[in-house]
N, C-alpha and C. Protein backbone atom coordinates (compact mmCIF):
# COMPACT_ATOMS: atom_id res chain seq x y z
N MET A 1 -14.75 -6.74 -4.80
CA MET A 1 -13.33 -7.74 -4.80
C MET A 1 -12.74 -6.79 -6.27
N LYS A 2 -13.12 -6.04 -7.30
CA LYS A 2 -12.54 -5.17 -7.88
C LYS A 2 -11.92 -4.33 -7.08
N ARG A 3 -12.39 -3.69 -6.09
CA ARG A 3 -12.06 -2.32 -5.38
C ARG A 3 -10.74 -2.36 -4.69
N TYR A 4 -10.52 -4.43 -4.22
CA TYR A 4 -9.72 -4.85 -3.77
C TYR A 4 -8.87 -4.75 -4.16
N TYR A 5 -8.42 -4.76 -5.83
CA TYR A 5 -7.42 -5.17 -6.42
C TYR A 5 -6.95 -3.35 -6.82
N PHE A 6 -7.73 -2.49 -6.90
CA PHE A 6 -7.22 -1.24 -7.07
C PHE A 6 -7.02 -0.71 -6.02
N VAL A 7 -7.34 -1.00 -4.66
CA VAL A 7 -6.28 -0.45 -3.09
C VAL A 7 -5.25 -1.05 -3.48
N LEU A 8 -4.81 -2.74 -3.78
CA LEU A 8 -3.73 -3.08 -3.84
C LEU A 8 -2.99 -2.38 -4.80
N PHE A 9 -3.65 -2.28 -6.15
CA PHE A 9 -2.67 -1.64 -7.33
C PHE A 9 -2.39 -0.36 -6.79
N LEU A 10 -2.86 0.63 -6.33
CA LEU A 10 -2.15 1.73 -5.69
C LEU A 10 -1.52 1.82 -4.64
N THR A 11 -1.87 0.62 -3.55
CA THR A 11 -0.19 0.66 -2.36
C THR A 11 0.85 0.09 -3.38
N LEU A 12 0.66 -0.69 -4.27
CA LEU A 12 2.11 -1.10 -4.84
C LEU A 12 2.43 0.27 -5.71
N LEU A 13 1.72 1.13 -6.00
CA LEU A 13 2.01 2.23 -6.75
C LEU A 13 2.85 3.24 -6.11
N CYS A 14 1.92 3.29 -4.66
CA CYS A 14 2.78 4.21 -3.96
C CYS A 14 3.99 3.84 -3.40
N PHE A 15 4.32 2.70 -3.23
CA PHE A 15 5.89 1.82 -2.32
C PHE A 15 6.43 2.43 -3.55
N THR A 16 6.01 1.85 -4.75
CA THR A 16 6.98 2.41 -5.76
C THR A 16 7.65 3.86 -6.15
N VAL A 17 6.35 4.31 -6.11
CA VAL A 17 6.63 5.85 -6.35
C VAL A 17 7.44 6.40 -4.86
N HIS A 18 7.79 6.11 -3.70
CA HIS A 18 7.79 6.72 -2.66
C HIS A 18 9.46 5.96 -2.54
N ALA A 19 9.31 4.98 -2.72
CA ALA A 19 10.87 4.04 -2.88
C ALA A 19 12.35 4.74 -3.88
N GLN A 20 11.56 5.61 -5.01
CA GLN A 20 12.45 6.07 -5.38
C GLN A 20 12.38 7.91 -4.96
N LYS A 21 13.13 8.89 -5.38
CA LYS A 21 12.51 9.98 -5.20
C LYS A 21 11.71 10.45 -6.40
N SER A 22 10.83 10.99 -5.98
CA SER A 22 9.16 11.22 -6.84
C SER A 22 9.41 12.53 -7.21
N LYS A 23 8.36 12.86 -8.21
CA LYS A 23 9.04 14.25 -9.15
C LYS A 23 9.27 15.27 -8.59
N ASN A 24 8.59 15.28 -6.99
CA ASN A 24 8.72 17.00 -6.59
C ASN A 24 10.08 16.53 -5.73
N ASN A 25 10.75 15.72 -5.81
CA ASN A 25 12.08 15.47 -5.16
C ASN A 25 11.61 15.35 -3.39
N CYS A 26 10.57 14.49 -3.30
CA CYS A 26 10.46 14.14 -2.04
C CYS A 26 10.83 12.85 -1.66
N SER A 27 11.65 12.81 -0.62
CA SER A 27 12.27 11.78 0.04
C SER A 27 11.20 10.70 0.84
N GLU A 28 11.65 9.28 0.81
CA GLU A 28 10.38 8.44 1.71
C GLU A 28 10.33 8.95 2.76
N GLU A 29 10.88 9.75 3.40
CA GLU A 29 10.54 10.02 4.46
C GLU A 29 9.81 11.40 4.27
N GLU A 30 9.87 12.30 3.80
CA GLU A 30 8.91 13.48 3.28
C GLU A 30 7.49 12.48 2.97
N PHE A 31 7.48 12.39 1.92
CA PHE A 31 6.26 11.00 1.37
C PHE A 31 5.23 10.70 2.87
N LYS A 32 6.38 9.53 3.66
CA LYS A 32 5.66 8.70 4.62
C LYS A 32 4.64 9.93 5.59
N ALA A 33 5.74 10.90 5.89
CA ALA A 33 5.21 12.24 6.63
C ALA A 33 3.97 12.93 6.47
N LYS A 34 3.79 13.05 4.86
CA LYS A 34 2.63 13.58 4.45
C LYS A 34 1.89 13.00 4.49
N LYS A 35 1.85 11.62 4.20
CA LYS A 35 0.33 10.23 3.75
C LYS A 35 -0.17 10.83 5.53
N GLN A 36 0.94 10.49 6.66
CA GLN A 36 0.46 10.01 7.75
C GLN A 36 -0.09 11.47 8.40
N ALA A 37 0.15 12.63 7.77
CA ALA A 37 -0.24 13.54 8.34
C ALA A 37 -1.88 13.88 7.52
N TYR A 38 -1.84 13.65 6.51
CA TYR A 38 -3.22 13.42 5.36
C TYR A 38 -4.43 12.83 6.20
N ILE A 39 -3.67 11.46 6.57
CA ILE A 39 -4.83 10.52 6.92
C ILE A 39 -4.97 10.43 8.46
N ALA A 40 -4.09 11.29 9.23
CA ALA A 40 -4.34 11.62 10.62
C ALA A 40 -5.83 12.87 10.64
N GLU A 41 -5.68 13.74 9.76
CA GLU A 41 -6.85 14.88 9.73
C GLU A 41 -7.52 14.51 8.96
N GLN A 42 -7.78 13.82 7.84
CA GLN A 42 -8.95 13.73 7.32
C GLN A 42 -9.58 12.58 8.10
N ALA A 43 -9.05 11.70 9.02
CA ALA A 43 -9.61 10.58 10.14
C ALA A 43 -9.47 11.13 11.34
N GLY A 44 -9.63 12.47 11.60
CA GLY A 44 -9.82 12.91 12.83
C GLY A 44 -9.08 12.60 13.83
N LEU A 45 -7.95 11.93 13.66
CA LEU A 45 -7.08 11.25 14.89
C LEU A 45 -6.30 12.52 15.78
N THR A 46 -6.74 12.22 17.38
CA THR A 46 -5.90 13.01 17.66
C THR A 46 -3.89 12.55 17.92
N GLU A 47 -3.40 13.26 18.79
CA GLU A 47 -1.90 12.96 18.61
C GLU A 47 -1.82 11.71 19.40
N GLU A 48 -2.39 11.58 20.42
CA GLU A 48 -2.18 9.95 21.35
C GLU A 48 -2.32 9.15 20.40
N GLU A 49 -3.68 9.24 19.73
CA GLU A 49 -4.11 8.08 18.54
C GLU A 49 -3.08 7.85 17.20
N SER A 50 -2.89 9.39 16.80
CA SER A 50 -1.61 8.63 16.01
C SER A 50 -0.33 7.77 16.19
N ALA A 51 -0.22 8.30 17.36
CA ALA A 51 1.23 7.96 18.47
C ALA A 51 1.17 6.46 18.18
N LYS A 52 0.08 5.87 18.61
CA LYS A 52 -0.42 4.40 18.95
C LYS A 52 -0.78 3.82 17.70
N PHE A 53 -1.43 4.42 16.32
CA PHE A 53 -1.80 3.76 15.68
C PHE A 53 -0.79 4.02 14.19
N PHE A 54 -0.36 4.93 14.06
CA PHE A 54 0.83 4.60 12.82
C PHE A 54 1.77 3.77 13.15
N PRO A 55 2.51 3.41 14.23
CA PRO A 55 3.60 2.42 13.97
C PRO A 55 2.91 1.09 13.91
N ILE A 56 2.03 0.91 14.35
CA ILE A 56 1.01 -0.50 14.04
C ILE A 56 0.73 -0.74 12.16
N TYR A 57 0.52 0.51 11.76
CA TYR A 57 0.16 1.17 10.28
C TYR A 57 1.09 0.79 9.40
N TYR A 58 2.04 1.00 10.34
CA TYR A 58 3.59 1.31 9.10
C TYR A 58 4.17 -0.56 9.23
N GLU A 59 4.34 -0.99 10.18
CA GLU A 59 4.26 -2.35 10.26
C GLU A 59 3.83 -3.41 9.25
N LEU A 60 2.51 -2.97 9.51
CA LEU A 60 1.73 -3.84 8.45
C LEU A 60 1.90 -3.24 6.87
N GLN A 61 2.14 -2.09 6.42
CA GLN A 61 2.63 -1.68 5.43
C GLN A 61 4.07 -2.34 4.67
N THR A 62 5.26 -2.44 5.92
CA THR A 62 6.35 -3.04 5.70
C THR A 62 6.52 -4.58 5.64
N LEU A 63 5.51 -5.38 5.94
CA LEU A 63 5.02 -6.75 5.66
C LEU A 63 4.23 -6.95 3.80
N LYS A 64 3.42 -6.03 4.00
CA LYS A 64 2.71 -6.24 2.75
C LYS A 64 3.72 -6.09 1.43
N LYS A 65 4.99 -5.03 1.63
CA LYS A 65 5.34 -4.53 1.12
C LYS A 65 6.45 -5.81 0.64
N ALA A 66 6.79 -6.80 1.67
CA ALA A 66 7.62 -7.86 1.72
C ALA A 66 7.35 -8.94 0.89
N VAL A 67 5.63 -8.90 1.02
CA VAL A 67 5.10 -10.29 0.43
C VAL A 67 4.81 -9.76 -1.21
N ASN A 68 4.26 -8.10 -1.50
CA ASN A 68 4.34 -8.05 -2.67
C ASN A 68 5.63 -8.02 -3.83
N GLY A 69 6.70 -7.61 -2.86
CA GLY A 69 7.80 -8.04 -3.24
C GLY A 69 8.21 -9.33 -3.90
N LYS A 70 8.17 -10.22 -3.39
CA LYS A 70 7.95 -11.53 -3.74
C LYS A 70 7.35 -11.91 -4.69
N ALA A 71 5.86 -11.33 -4.82
CA ALA A 71 5.38 -11.95 -5.93
C ALA A 71 5.74 -11.40 -7.14
N TRP A 72 6.47 -9.98 -7.08
CA TRP A 72 6.98 -8.99 -8.25
C TRP A 72 8.41 -9.73 -8.61
N LYS A 73 9.13 -10.29 -7.79
CA LYS A 73 10.28 -11.03 -7.82
C LYS A 73 10.12 -11.83 -9.20
N LYS A 74 9.00 -12.82 -8.86
CA LYS A 74 8.72 -13.61 -9.81
C LYS A 74 8.08 -13.42 -10.79
N ALA A 75 7.59 -12.26 -10.95
CA ALA A 75 7.02 -12.17 -12.47
C ALA A 75 8.05 -11.51 -13.07
N ARG A 76 8.83 -10.96 -12.44
CA ARG A 76 10.04 -10.35 -13.46
C ARG A 76 10.18 -11.52 -14.36
N VAL A 77 10.27 -13.07 -14.35
CA VAL A 77 10.52 -14.27 -15.00
C VAL A 77 9.62 -13.91 -16.51
N GLY A 78 8.93 -13.38 -16.34
CA GLY A 78 7.23 -13.07 -17.21
C GLY A 78 8.13 -12.12 -18.38
N LYS A 79 9.04 -11.42 -18.29
CA LYS A 79 9.37 -10.76 -19.27
C LYS A 79 10.41 -11.33 -19.97
N ASP A 80 11.36 -12.62 -19.94
CA ASP A 80 11.59 -13.41 -20.67
C ASP A 80 11.00 -14.13 -21.68
N PRO A 81 11.18 -13.46 -23.09
CA PRO A 81 10.43 -14.12 -23.95
C PRO A 81 10.06 -15.83 -23.81
N GLN A 82 11.30 -16.35 -23.41
CA GLN A 82 11.46 -17.98 -23.38
C GLN A 82 10.34 -18.48 -21.95
N THR A 83 9.81 -17.45 -21.41
CA THR A 83 8.95 -18.31 -20.61
C THR A 83 8.10 -19.04 -20.88
N THR A 84 7.83 -20.04 -20.19
CA THR A 84 7.06 -21.24 -20.36
C THR A 84 5.26 -21.08 -19.48
N GLU A 85 4.58 -21.81 -20.06
CA GLU A 85 3.08 -21.38 -19.72
C GLU A 85 3.73 -22.18 -17.95
N ALA A 86 4.11 -23.50 -18.07
CA ALA A 86 4.19 -23.49 -16.59
C ALA A 86 4.62 -22.09 -15.28
N GLN A 87 5.82 -21.70 -15.85
CA GLN A 87 6.01 -20.44 -15.24
C GLN A 87 5.13 -19.05 -15.32
N TYR A 88 4.55 -19.10 -16.25
CA TYR A 88 3.59 -18.31 -16.07
C TYR A 88 2.38 -18.22 -15.05
N GLU A 89 1.95 -20.03 -15.24
CA GLU A 89 1.29 -20.17 -14.11
C GLU A 89 1.63 -19.91 -12.85
N ASP A 90 2.77 -20.40 -12.56
CA ASP A 90 3.64 -20.30 -11.03
C ASP A 90 3.72 -18.57 -10.62
N ILE A 91 3.73 -17.97 -11.75
CA ILE A 91 3.45 -16.31 -11.64
C ILE A 91 2.30 -15.44 -10.63
N LEU A 92 1.03 -16.59 -11.93
CA LEU A 92 -0.27 -16.49 -11.31
C LEU A 92 -0.59 -16.48 -9.90
N ASN A 93 -0.08 -17.66 -10.09
CA ASN A 93 -0.11 -18.00 -8.09
C ASN A 93 0.32 -17.33 -7.10
N GLY A 94 1.49 -16.76 -7.60
CA GLY A 94 2.05 -15.83 -6.88
C GLY A 94 1.37 -14.66 -6.48
N PHE A 95 0.88 -14.15 -7.69
CA PHE A 95 -0.24 -13.12 -7.40
C PHE A 95 -1.23 -12.87 -6.39
N ILE A 96 -2.13 -14.09 -7.25
CA ILE A 96 -3.06 -14.81 -6.05
C ILE A 96 -2.83 -15.17 -4.61
N ASP A 97 -1.63 -15.86 -4.31
CA ASP A 97 -1.10 -15.92 -3.22
C ASP A 97 -0.62 -14.92 -2.12
N ALA A 98 -0.30 -13.55 -3.10
CA ALA A 98 0.04 -12.45 -2.06
C ALA A 98 -1.07 -11.96 -1.83
N GLU A 99 -2.34 -11.90 -2.61
CA GLU A 99 -2.91 -11.11 -1.97
C GLU A 99 -4.22 -12.00 -1.22
N GLU A 100 -3.62 -13.29 -0.96
CA GLU A 100 -4.40 -13.69 -0.13
C GLU A 100 -3.54 -14.14 1.38
N GLN A 101 -2.85 -13.65 0.83
CA GLN A 101 -1.56 -13.33 2.31
C GLN A 101 -1.94 -11.72 3.00
N ASN A 102 -1.81 -10.62 1.66
CA ASN A 102 -2.54 -9.36 2.02
C ASN A 102 -3.93 -9.31 2.83
N CYS A 103 -4.78 -10.08 2.63
CA CYS A 103 -6.24 -10.04 3.41
C CYS A 103 -5.77 -11.09 4.43
N ARG A 104 -5.08 -12.03 4.69
CA ARG A 104 -4.93 -12.32 6.23
C ARG A 104 -4.19 -11.05 7.15
N LEU A 105 -3.23 -10.67 6.40
CA LEU A 105 -2.57 -9.35 7.33
C LEU A 105 -3.41 -8.71 7.64
N ASP A 106 -4.45 -7.99 6.64
CA ASP A 106 -5.64 -7.10 6.53
C ASP A 106 -6.30 -7.51 7.86
N LYS A 107 -6.47 -8.26 8.33
CA LYS A 107 -7.52 -8.94 8.92
C LYS A 107 -7.26 -8.44 10.10
N GLU A 108 -5.73 -9.69 10.06
CA GLU A 108 -4.82 -9.53 11.68
C GLU A 108 -5.19 -8.37 11.93
N TYR A 109 -4.18 -7.33 11.66
CA TYR A 109 -3.94 -5.56 11.56
C TYR A 109 -4.92 -5.29 12.18
N LEU A 110 -6.53 -5.56 11.38
CA LEU A 110 -8.17 -4.96 11.96
C LEU A 110 -7.81 -4.96 13.47
N LYS A 111 -7.73 -6.64 14.25
CA LYS A 111 -7.32 -6.24 15.31
C LYS A 111 -6.88 -5.26 15.87
N LYS A 112 -5.57 -5.48 15.64
CA LYS A 112 -4.81 -4.70 16.70
C LYS A 112 -4.78 -3.04 16.25
N TYR A 113 -5.50 -3.01 15.36
CA TYR A 113 -6.42 -1.28 15.31
C TYR A 113 -7.53 -1.06 16.09
N GLN A 114 -8.07 -1.85 16.25
CA GLN A 114 -9.01 -1.97 16.98
C GLN A 114 -8.78 -1.54 18.59
N SER A 115 -7.66 -2.14 18.94
CA SER A 115 -7.09 -1.71 20.32
C SER A 115 -6.57 -0.62 20.63
N VAL A 116 -6.65 0.38 19.18
CA VAL A 116 -6.35 1.70 19.54
C VAL A 116 -6.78 2.70 19.04
N LEU A 117 -8.37 2.13 18.02
CA LEU A 117 -9.00 2.96 17.33
C LEU A 117 -10.15 2.27 17.09
N SER A 118 -11.35 3.70 17.49
CA SER A 118 -12.79 3.02 16.71
C SER A 118 -12.84 2.11 15.66
N ASN A 119 -13.69 1.90 15.58
CA ASN A 119 -14.38 1.49 13.99
C ASN A 119 -14.43 2.45 13.09
N ARG A 120 -15.44 3.47 13.63
CA ARG A 120 -15.17 4.43 12.65
C ARG A 120 -13.70 5.29 12.71
N LYS A 121 -13.05 5.49 13.27
CA LYS A 121 -12.08 6.53 13.16
C LYS A 121 -10.74 5.14 12.35
N ILE A 122 -11.29 3.87 12.72
CA ILE A 122 -10.33 2.65 11.19
C ILE A 122 -11.06 2.92 9.78
N TYR A 123 -12.24 3.41 9.60
CA TYR A 123 -12.98 3.58 8.70
C TYR A 123 -12.35 4.41 7.69
N MET A 124 -12.52 5.67 8.82
CA MET A 124 -12.33 6.99 8.44
C MET A 124 -10.41 7.07 7.80
N VAL A 125 -9.79 6.02 8.57
CA VAL A 125 -7.96 6.28 7.86
C VAL A 125 -7.97 4.96 7.03
N LEU A 126 -9.28 3.99 6.49
CA LEU A 126 -9.06 3.50 4.92
C LEU A 126 -9.66 4.28 4.12
N ARG A 127 -10.60 5.37 4.85
CA ARG A 127 -10.99 5.64 3.06
C ARG A 127 -9.99 7.33 2.93
N ALA A 128 -9.68 7.66 4.09
CA ALA A 128 -8.16 8.84 3.74
C ALA A 128 -7.16 8.11 3.12
N GLU A 129 -6.42 6.68 3.02
CA GLU A 129 -5.35 6.34 2.68
C GLU A 129 -6.21 6.22 0.88
N ILE A 130 -7.20 5.56 0.67
CA ILE A 130 -7.84 5.87 -0.65
C ILE A 130 -7.64 6.91 -1.01
N LYS A 131 -8.17 8.16 -0.82
CA LYS A 131 -7.99 9.33 -0.93
C LYS A 131 -6.52 9.86 -1.45
N PHE A 132 -5.86 9.49 -0.89
CA PHE A 132 -4.55 9.96 -0.49
C PHE A 132 -3.73 9.11 -1.99
N ASN A 133 -3.88 8.01 -2.03
CA ASN A 133 -3.51 6.86 -2.94
C ASN A 133 -4.42 7.84 -4.09
N ARG A 134 -5.16 7.82 -4.38
CA ARG A 134 -5.89 8.30 -5.90
C ARG A 134 -5.81 9.42 -6.03
N ASN A 135 -5.15 10.55 -5.24
CA ASN A 135 -4.61 11.91 -5.46
C ASN A 135 -2.86 11.74 -6.03
N MET A 136 -2.15 11.04 -5.36
CA MET A 136 -0.97 10.75 -5.61
C MET A 136 -1.02 10.22 -7.01
N LEU A 137 -2.12 9.50 -7.87
CA LEU A 137 -1.91 8.83 -9.08
C LEU A 137 -2.00 9.71 -9.81
N LYS A 138 -3.10 11.02 -9.79
CA LYS A 138 -3.79 12.05 -10.27
C LYS A 138 -2.39 12.98 -10.71
N ILE A 139 -1.75 12.95 -9.69
CA ILE A 139 -0.44 13.78 -9.40
C ILE A 139 0.64 13.08 -10.83
N ILE A 140 0.90 11.71 -10.37
CA ILE A 140 1.39 11.27 -11.37
C ILE A 140 1.41 11.10 -12.56
N GLN A 141 0.00 10.80 -12.85
CA GLN A 141 -0.55 10.89 -14.18
C GLN A 141 -0.28 12.50 -14.92
N THR A 142 -0.28 13.55 -14.27
CA THR A 142 -0.53 15.20 -14.77
C THR A 142 0.87 15.70 -14.84
N SER A 143 1.96 14.93 -14.07
CA SER A 143 3.20 15.63 -14.07
C SER A 143 4.02 15.61 -15.52
N PRO A 144 4.50 16.25 -15.87
CA PRO A 144 5.37 16.42 -16.96
C PRO A 144 6.20 15.27 -17.32
N LYS A 145 6.29 15.00 -17.98
CA LYS A 145 7.46 13.76 -18.37
C LYS A 145 8.89 13.65 -19.08
N LYS A 146 9.49 13.29 -18.55
CA LYS A 146 11.13 14.12 -18.49
C LYS A 146 11.35 13.07 -20.13
């Protein structure tokens, strides 16, 4: 479960990073292309497999971004020093609900992934995604602060 939270955190971080221009002035489209190329290479996807897989992959990412966005929008209330215990409970429940919804989406989209890729390749894609996110985190942590 800790691994899931870590992956969720990295996914949120990546969306945050590429929603703006990153430190190396990489646009969201360039970031997406780099991530796609990295995943395809690491997972050994053919061009045909990539053409079928990535539209499904990005559909899931868009849905997850919307789910997480709602939770984080609710969480902004917690910055106010006047936030009540009941509001904090609502924020925490929002995070848990988002995680549950993301898990349901993952399960649903696994079936869609299986319609275009073997289980081995899906595993390799997920592993490559984790590696990519770790590499991005390292880059962010080591980049000079302005």
